[in-house]
Amino acid sequence: MGHRHFNGLKTALLFGVLWAVLLAIWALFFRNSVGMLWFFVFLGLASTAYGYWNSDKIAIRSMQAYPVTEQEQPVMYRVVRELSARANQPMPKLYVSPTQAPNAFATGRNPQKAAVCCTEGILQILDERELRGVLGHELMHVYNRDILTSSIAAAVAGVITSLAQFLLFFGGGGDRRDNNGNALAAIALAILAPLAATVIQLAISRTREYDADEDGATLTGDPMALASALRKLESGTQAAPLPADQKLVDVSHLMIANPFKAGAVSKLFSTHPPMADRIQRLEAMAGQQGGITYY
């Protein structure tokens, strides 16, 4: 479980940097305007709390998914029931999204409110063993409380962006110009701080994907099944990408694979780690002595 400990530490360090950026803006420009700071904090937390509380509904609605019965999707039910029981967790609600783009996601603020969704496309290209690997990954996002983690990161990043925009258009709080003397520094920070916050937020998302891969493979006891599934998803998502609609962009970080057409965007701005890295880690995991113990 070495990677898991490393990923947890990395997530904590990234959060530390994110908070440091926020505190730097406050200390430099809003120290004499505490009320303004708390106003933006309240707005950021309020909007994020709404998204967190309704995360399952928002994601399901964005993918136009529909609930399925055990008669309609017996394999999904059998696999998820087995893995949920193995993890000693309640059975989540199951959905299918009517799209040929192969993908899957899990959402919900806790295991009792969880929902797992597969697209019609992924159900067509994966065999049962590979689907089991994918569903193990998705369930671990719920069990690891990754929706909460991503929501907190989004809240802090949102507050940083709001403060920076205020700083850019209206200037800092209090007597910033007297204390700092350089308006160019304020402009530079107003531009660079949201960029840094976004990069850190996306890095947290990528780190949680690595954790879900490792923990999901531990839950299923079969890391090579997930590795095989990721290979198929890498080519499948490029052959049938989702349209880059904003509502889909907003929930794309929940999906097991980047659902959009690959472009020249830097890895820094990706919600998902490179597939090759994820597959390599899973292969290394399978090659460790003694194999993988069940969750």
Protein backbone atom coordinates (compact mmCIF):
# COMPACT_ATOMS: atom_id res chain seq x y z
CA MET A 1 0.00 0.00 0.00
CA GLY A 2 2.99 2.30 -0.46
CA HIS A 3 1.42 4.30 -3.26
CA ARG A 4 -1.68 4.84 -1.15
CA HIS A 5 0.28 6.47 1.65
CA PHE A 6 2.19 8.58 -0.89
CA ASN A 7 -1.03 9.70 -2.56
CA GLY A 8 -2.59 10.64 0.76
CA LEU A 9 0.46 12.72 1.68
CA LYS A 10 0.47 14.33 -1.76
CA THR A 11 -3.21 15.26 -1.40
CA ALA A 12 -2.52 16.83 2.02
CA LEU A 13 0.44 18.80 0.64
CA LEU A 14 -1.58 20.04 -2.33
CA PHE A 15 -4.32 21.23 0.02
CA GLY A 16 -1.65 22.97 2.07
CA VAL A 17 -0.43 24.86 -1.00
CA LEU A 18 -4.02 25.74 -1.95
CA TRP A 19 -4.67 27.22 1.49
CA ALA A 20 -1.31 29.00 1.38
CA VAL A 21 -2.33 30.77 -1.84
CA LEU A 22 -5.59 31.87 -0.21
CA LEU A 23 -3.83 33.10 2.93
CA ALA A 24 -1.23 34.95 0.85
CA ILE A 25 -3.94 36.92 -0.97
CA TRP A 26 -5.61 37.74 2.34
CA ALA A 27 -2.37 38.78 4.05
CA LEU A 28 -1.19 40.97 1.17
CA PHE A 29 -4.40 42.65 0.10
CA PHE A 30 -7.35 41.95 2.39
CA ARG A 31 -5.85 41.98 5.87
CA ASN A 32 -7.74 45.18 6.68
CA SER A 33 -10.94 43.92 5.06
CA VAL A 34 -11.77 40.76 6.98
CA GLY A 35 -15.46 41.21 6.24
CA MET A 36 -14.77 41.10 2.49
CA LEU A 37 -12.77 37.89 2.89
CA TRP A 38 -15.53 36.18 4.82
CA PHE A 39 -18.11 37.34 2.30
CA PHE A 40 -16.30 35.48 -0.48
CA VAL A 41 -15.66 32.49 1.78
CA PHE A 42 -19.38 32.30 2.55
CA LEU A 43 -20.32 32.48 -1.15
CA GLY A 44 -17.77 29.80 -2.07
CA LEU A 45 -18.84 27.46 0.70
CA ALA A 46 -22.54 27.97 0.02
CA SER A 47 -22.31 27.16 -3.68
CA THR A 48 -20.01 24.20 -3.07
CA ALA A 49 -22.21 22.86 -0.27
CA TYR A 50 -25.16 22.84 -2.65
CA GLY A 51 -23.14 20.97 -5.26
CA TYR A 52 -21.82 18.49 -2.67
CA TRP A 53 -25.25 17.81 -1.18
CA ASN A 54 -26.78 17.24 -4.61
CA SER A 55 -23.75 15.70 -6.32
CA ASP A 56 -25.56 12.48 -7.22
CA LYS A 57 -28.52 14.27 -8.81
CA ILE A 58 -26.34 16.75 -10.73
CA ALA A 59 -24.10 14.09 -12.26
CA ILE A 60 -26.94 11.71 -13.11
CA ARG A 61 -28.93 14.52 -14.73
CA SER A 62 -25.92 15.76 -16.71
CA MET A 63 -25.42 12.31 -18.23
CA GLN A 64 -29.19 11.82 -18.77
CA ALA A 65 -28.85 8.52 -16.93
CA TYR A 66 -31.78 6.32 -15.99
CA PRO A 67 -32.13 3.86 -13.08
CA VAL A 68 -31.92 0.18 -13.95
CA THR A 69 -33.34 -2.90 -12.28
CA GLU A 70 -31.57 -6.17 -11.58
CA GLN A 71 -33.54 -7.78 -14.40
CA GLU A 72 -32.25 -5.15 -16.84
CA GLN A 73 -28.59 -5.22 -15.70
CA PRO A 74 -27.96 -8.48 -13.81
CA VAL A 75 -24.16 -8.31 -14.23
CA MET A 76 -23.90 -4.79 -12.79
CA TYR A 77 -26.05 -5.77 -9.84
CA ARG A 78 -24.16 -8.98 -9.17
CA VAL A 79 -20.75 -7.34 -9.26
CA VAL A 80 -21.69 -4.24 -7.24
CA ARG A 81 -23.54 -6.31 -4.64
CA GLU A 82 -20.52 -8.57 -4.20
CA LEU A 83 -18.03 -5.70 -3.91
CA SER A 84 -20.27 -3.68 -1.58
CA ALA A 85 -20.65 -6.68 0.70
CA ARG A 86 -16.89 -7.29 0.64
CA ALA A 87 -16.32 -3.68 1.71
CA ASN A 88 -19.13 -3.94 4.30
CA GLN A 89 -20.93 -1.02 2.68
CA PRO A 90 -24.55 -0.52 1.54
CA MET A 91 -25.61 -1.24 -2.03
CA PRO A 92 -25.64 1.98 -4.10
CA LYS A 93 -28.25 2.90 -6.68
CA LEU A 94 -27.35 1.82 -10.21
CA TYR A 95 -27.84 3.86 -13.38
CA VAL A 96 -27.05 3.57 -17.08
CA SER A 97 -26.36 6.56 -19.32
CA PRO A 98 -27.66 6.28 -22.92
CA THR A 99 -24.43 7.16 -24.68
CA GLN A 100 -21.96 5.13 -26.73
CA ALA A 101 -19.05 6.99 -25.11
CA PRO A 102 -17.53 4.31 -22.84
CA ASN A 103 -17.23 5.57 -19.27
CA ALA A 104 -18.40 5.13 -15.70
CA PHE A 105 -18.63 7.22 -12.56
CA ALA A 106 -19.76 7.10 -8.96
CA THR A 107 -21.06 9.98 -6.93
CA GLY A 108 -22.90 10.78 -3.72
CA ARG A 109 -21.88 12.45 -0.50
CA ASN A 110 -21.60 9.15 1.43
CA PRO A 111 -22.06 5.39 0.87
CA GLN A 112 -25.71 5.63 1.94
CA LYS A 113 -26.43 8.21 -0.81
CA ALA A 114 -24.16 6.74 -3.48
CA ALA A 115 -24.97 6.19 -7.14
CA VAL A 116 -22.93 4.25 -9.68
CA CYS A 117 -23.44 4.85 -13.38
CA CYS A 118 -22.15 3.06 -16.46
CA THR A 119 -22.66 4.23 -20.00
CA GLU A 120 -24.15 1.90 -22.57
CA GLY A 121 -20.84 2.13 -24.39
CA ILE A 122 -18.74 0.74 -21.54
CA LEU A 123 -21.16 -2.12 -20.97
CA GLN A 124 -20.66 -3.12 -24.60
CA ILE A 125 -16.85 -3.08 -24.77
CA LEU A 126 -15.89 -4.58 -21.39
CA ASP A 127 -16.21 -8.20 -20.31
CA GLU A 128 -17.43 -9.00 -16.81
CA ARG A 129 -13.96 -9.22 -15.29
CA GLU A 130 -12.97 -5.80 -16.68
CA LEU A 131 -16.29 -4.28 -15.62
CA ARG A 132 -15.66 -5.62 -12.12
CA GLY A 133 -12.34 -3.76 -12.06
CA VAL A 134 -14.03 -0.52 -13.15
CA LEU A 135 -16.84 -0.84 -10.62
CA GLY A 136 -14.32 -1.52 -7.84
CA HIS A 137 -12.55 1.71 -8.78
CA GLU A 138 -15.79 3.68 -8.74
CA LEU A 139 -16.96 2.29 -5.41
CA MET A 140 -13.66 3.29 -3.81
CA HIS A 141 -14.23 6.90 -4.84
CA VAL A 142 -17.33 6.77 -2.64
CA TYR A 143 -15.70 4.89 0.23
CA ASN A 144 -12.68 7.25 0.18
CA ARG A 145 -15.03 10.26 0.38
CA ASP A 146 -13.51 11.71 -2.78
CA ILE A 147 -16.64 13.77 -3.50
CA LEU A 148 -15.99 15.62 -0.23
CA THR A 149 -12.30 16.04 -1.07
CA SER A 150 -13.03 17.45 -4.53
CA SER A 151 -15.77 19.70 -3.12
CA ILE A 152 -13.42 21.25 -0.55
CA ALA A 153 -10.78 21.79 -3.23
CA ALA A 154 -13.38 23.41 -5.49
CA ALA A 155 -14.55 25.65 -2.63
CA VAL A 156 -11.07 26.96 -1.82
CA ALA A 157 -10.20 27.39 -5.50
CA GLY A 158 -13.48 29.25 -6.02
CA VAL A 159 -12.79 31.63 -3.13
CA ILE A 160 -9.29 32.32 -4.51
CA THR A 161 -10.72 33.07 -7.94
CA SER A 162 -13.41 35.37 -6.52
CA LEU A 163 -10.92 37.30 -4.40
CA ALA A 164 -8.53 37.62 -7.34
CA GLN A 165 -11.28 38.92 -9.63
CA PHE A 166 -12.29 41.47 -7.01
CA LEU A 167 -8.66 42.49 -6.62
CA LEU A 168 -8.23 42.84 -10.38
CA PHE A 169 -11.31 45.00 -10.95
CA PHE A 170 -11.58 46.98 -7.72
CA GLY A 171 -8.17 46.87 -6.10
CA GLY A 172 -7.29 45.31 -2.77
CA GLY A 173 -8.92 46.01 0.54
CA GLY A 174 -7.87 48.64 3.03
CA ASP A 175 -4.81 50.70 2.27
CA ARG A 176 -3.14 48.13 0.05
CA ARG A 177 -1.45 50.73 -2.16
CA ASP A 178 0.17 52.40 0.82
CA ASN A 179 1.42 49.13 2.30
CA ASN A 180 2.58 47.44 -0.87
CA GLY A 181 3.09 50.31 -3.24
CA ASN A 182 3.11 48.24 -6.42
CA ALA A 183 -0.18 47.90 -8.29
CA LEU A 184 1.53 45.62 -10.83
CA ALA A 185 2.10 43.05 -8.11
CA ALA A 186 -1.62 43.06 -7.35
CA ILE A 187 -2.47 42.57 -11.03
CA ALA A 188 0.05 39.74 -11.37
CA LEU A 189 -1.30 37.97 -8.29
CA ALA A 190 -4.88 38.46 -9.44
CA ILE A 191 -4.04 36.69 -12.70
CA LEU A 192 -1.69 34.00 -11.40
CA ALA A 193 -3.52 32.99 -8.21
CA PRO A 194 -6.63 31.54 -9.95
CA LEU A 195 -4.35 29.73 -12.40
CA ALA A 196 -2.36 28.22 -9.54
CA ALA A 197 -5.56 27.27 -7.71
CA THR A 198 -6.91 25.50 -10.80
CA VAL A 199 -3.67 23.58 -11.34
CA ILE A 200 -3.63 22.46 -7.70
CA GLN A 201 -7.31 21.49 -7.77
CA LEU A 202 -6.74 19.34 -10.87
CA ALA A 203 -3.63 17.78 -9.30
CA ILE A 204 -5.77 16.72 -6.32
CA SER A 205 -8.24 15.13 -8.76
CA ARG A 206 -5.45 13.17 -10.46
CA THR A 207 -4.09 11.99 -7.13
CA ARG A 208 -7.52 10.69 -6.08
CA GLU A 209 -7.71 8.73 -9.37
CA TYR A 210 -4.47 6.95 -8.52
CA ASP A 211 -5.86 6.10 -5.08
CA ALA A 212 -9.13 4.77 -6.51
CA ASP A 213 -7.15 2.60 -8.95
CA GLU A 214 -5.06 1.09 -6.18
CA ASP A 215 -7.84 0.72 -3.64
CA GLY A 216 -10.26 -0.59 -6.26
CA ALA A 217 -7.73 -3.21 -7.36
CA THR A 218 -7.30 -4.20 -3.72
CA LEU A 219 -11.06 -4.51 -3.32
CA THR A 220 -11.43 -6.75 -6.38
CA GLY A 221 -8.13 -8.57 -5.87
CA ASP A 222 -7.47 -8.22 -9.61
CA PRO A 223 -5.42 -5.19 -10.68
CA MET A 224 -4.89 -6.57 -14.18
CA ALA A 225 -8.65 -6.50 -14.81
CA LEU A 226 -8.69 -2.74 -14.26
CA ALA A 227 -5.52 -2.33 -16.34
CA SER A 228 -7.19 -4.20 -19.22
CA ALA A 229 -10.31 -2.05 -18.88
CA LEU A 230 -8.27 1.17 -18.94
CA ARG A 231 -6.59 0.10 -22.18
CA LYS A 232 -9.98 -0.36 -23.81
CA LEU A 233 -11.26 2.91 -22.38
CA GLU A 234 -8.26 4.85 -23.68
CA SER A 235 -9.09 3.93 -27.26
CA GLY A 236 -12.85 3.84 -26.73
CA THR A 237 -13.13 7.39 -25.38
CA GLN A 238 -11.13 8.71 -28.34
CA ALA A 239 -13.31 6.83 -30.82
CA ALA A 240 -16.53 8.05 -29.18
CA PRO A 241 -15.85 11.18 -27.10
CA LEU A 242 -18.50 13.17 -25.31
CA PRO A 243 -19.31 16.68 -26.58
CA ALA A 244 -17.55 19.36 -24.55
CA ASP A 245 -20.78 20.82 -23.16
CA GLN A 246 -20.26 22.79 -19.94
CA LYS A 247 -22.58 20.53 -17.93
CA LEU A 248 -20.48 17.54 -18.98
CA VAL A 249 -17.21 19.38 -18.36
CA ASP A 250 -18.40 20.10 -14.81
CA VAL A 251 -18.82 16.39 -14.01
CA SER A 252 -16.00 14.98 -16.16
CA HIS A 253 -13.66 14.70 -13.16
CA LEU A 254 -15.98 12.04 -11.74
CA MET A 255 -15.49 9.68 -14.69
CA ILE A 256 -12.94 6.90 -14.78
CA ALA A 257 -11.52 8.13 -18.09
CA ASN A 258 -11.27 11.58 -19.64
CA PRO A 259 -14.43 11.62 -21.78
CA PHE A 260 -13.31 14.29 -24.25
CA LYS A 261 -11.19 14.20 -27.37
CA ALA A 262 -7.49 14.37 -26.52
CA GLY A 263 -5.91 17.69 -27.35
CA ALA A 264 -2.70 19.55 -26.79
CA VAL A 265 -3.69 20.62 -23.26
CA SER A 266 -0.90 20.26 -20.73
CA LYS A 267 -1.05 17.44 -18.21
CA LEU A 268 -1.24 20.18 -15.56
CA PHE A 269 -4.75 20.99 -16.76
CA SER A 270 -6.04 17.41 -16.98
CA THR A 271 -8.52 15.97 -14.48
CA HIS A 272 -7.12 12.46 -15.05
CA PRO A 273 -3.59 11.00 -14.86
CA PRO A 274 -2.09 9.59 -18.07
CA MET A 275 -3.54 6.16 -18.81
CA ALA A 276 -0.06 4.73 -19.37
CA ASP A 277 0.97 5.72 -15.83
CA ARG A 278 -2.17 4.24 -14.31
CA ILE A 279 -1.73 0.97 -16.20
CA GLN A 280 1.94 0.77 -15.24
CA ARG A 281 1.10 1.19 -11.56
CA LEU A 282 -1.53 -1.53 -11.74
CA GLU A 283 0.88 -3.90 -13.49
CA ALA A 284 3.47 -3.24 -10.80
CA MET A 285 0.84 -3.87 -8.17
CA ALA A 286 -0.02 -7.23 -9.76
CA GLY A 287 3.65 -8.18 -9.80
CA GLN A 288 4.26 -7.60 -6.09
CA GLN A 289 5.09 -10.63 -4.00
CA GLY A 290 2.13 -12.47 -2.59
CA GLY A 291 -0.29 -10.88 -5.05
CA ILE A 292 -3.14 -8.70 -3.88
CA THR A 293 -5.09 -9.37 -0.71
CA TYR A 294 -8.82 -8.81 -0.73
CA TYR A 295 -10.24 -5.73 0.95
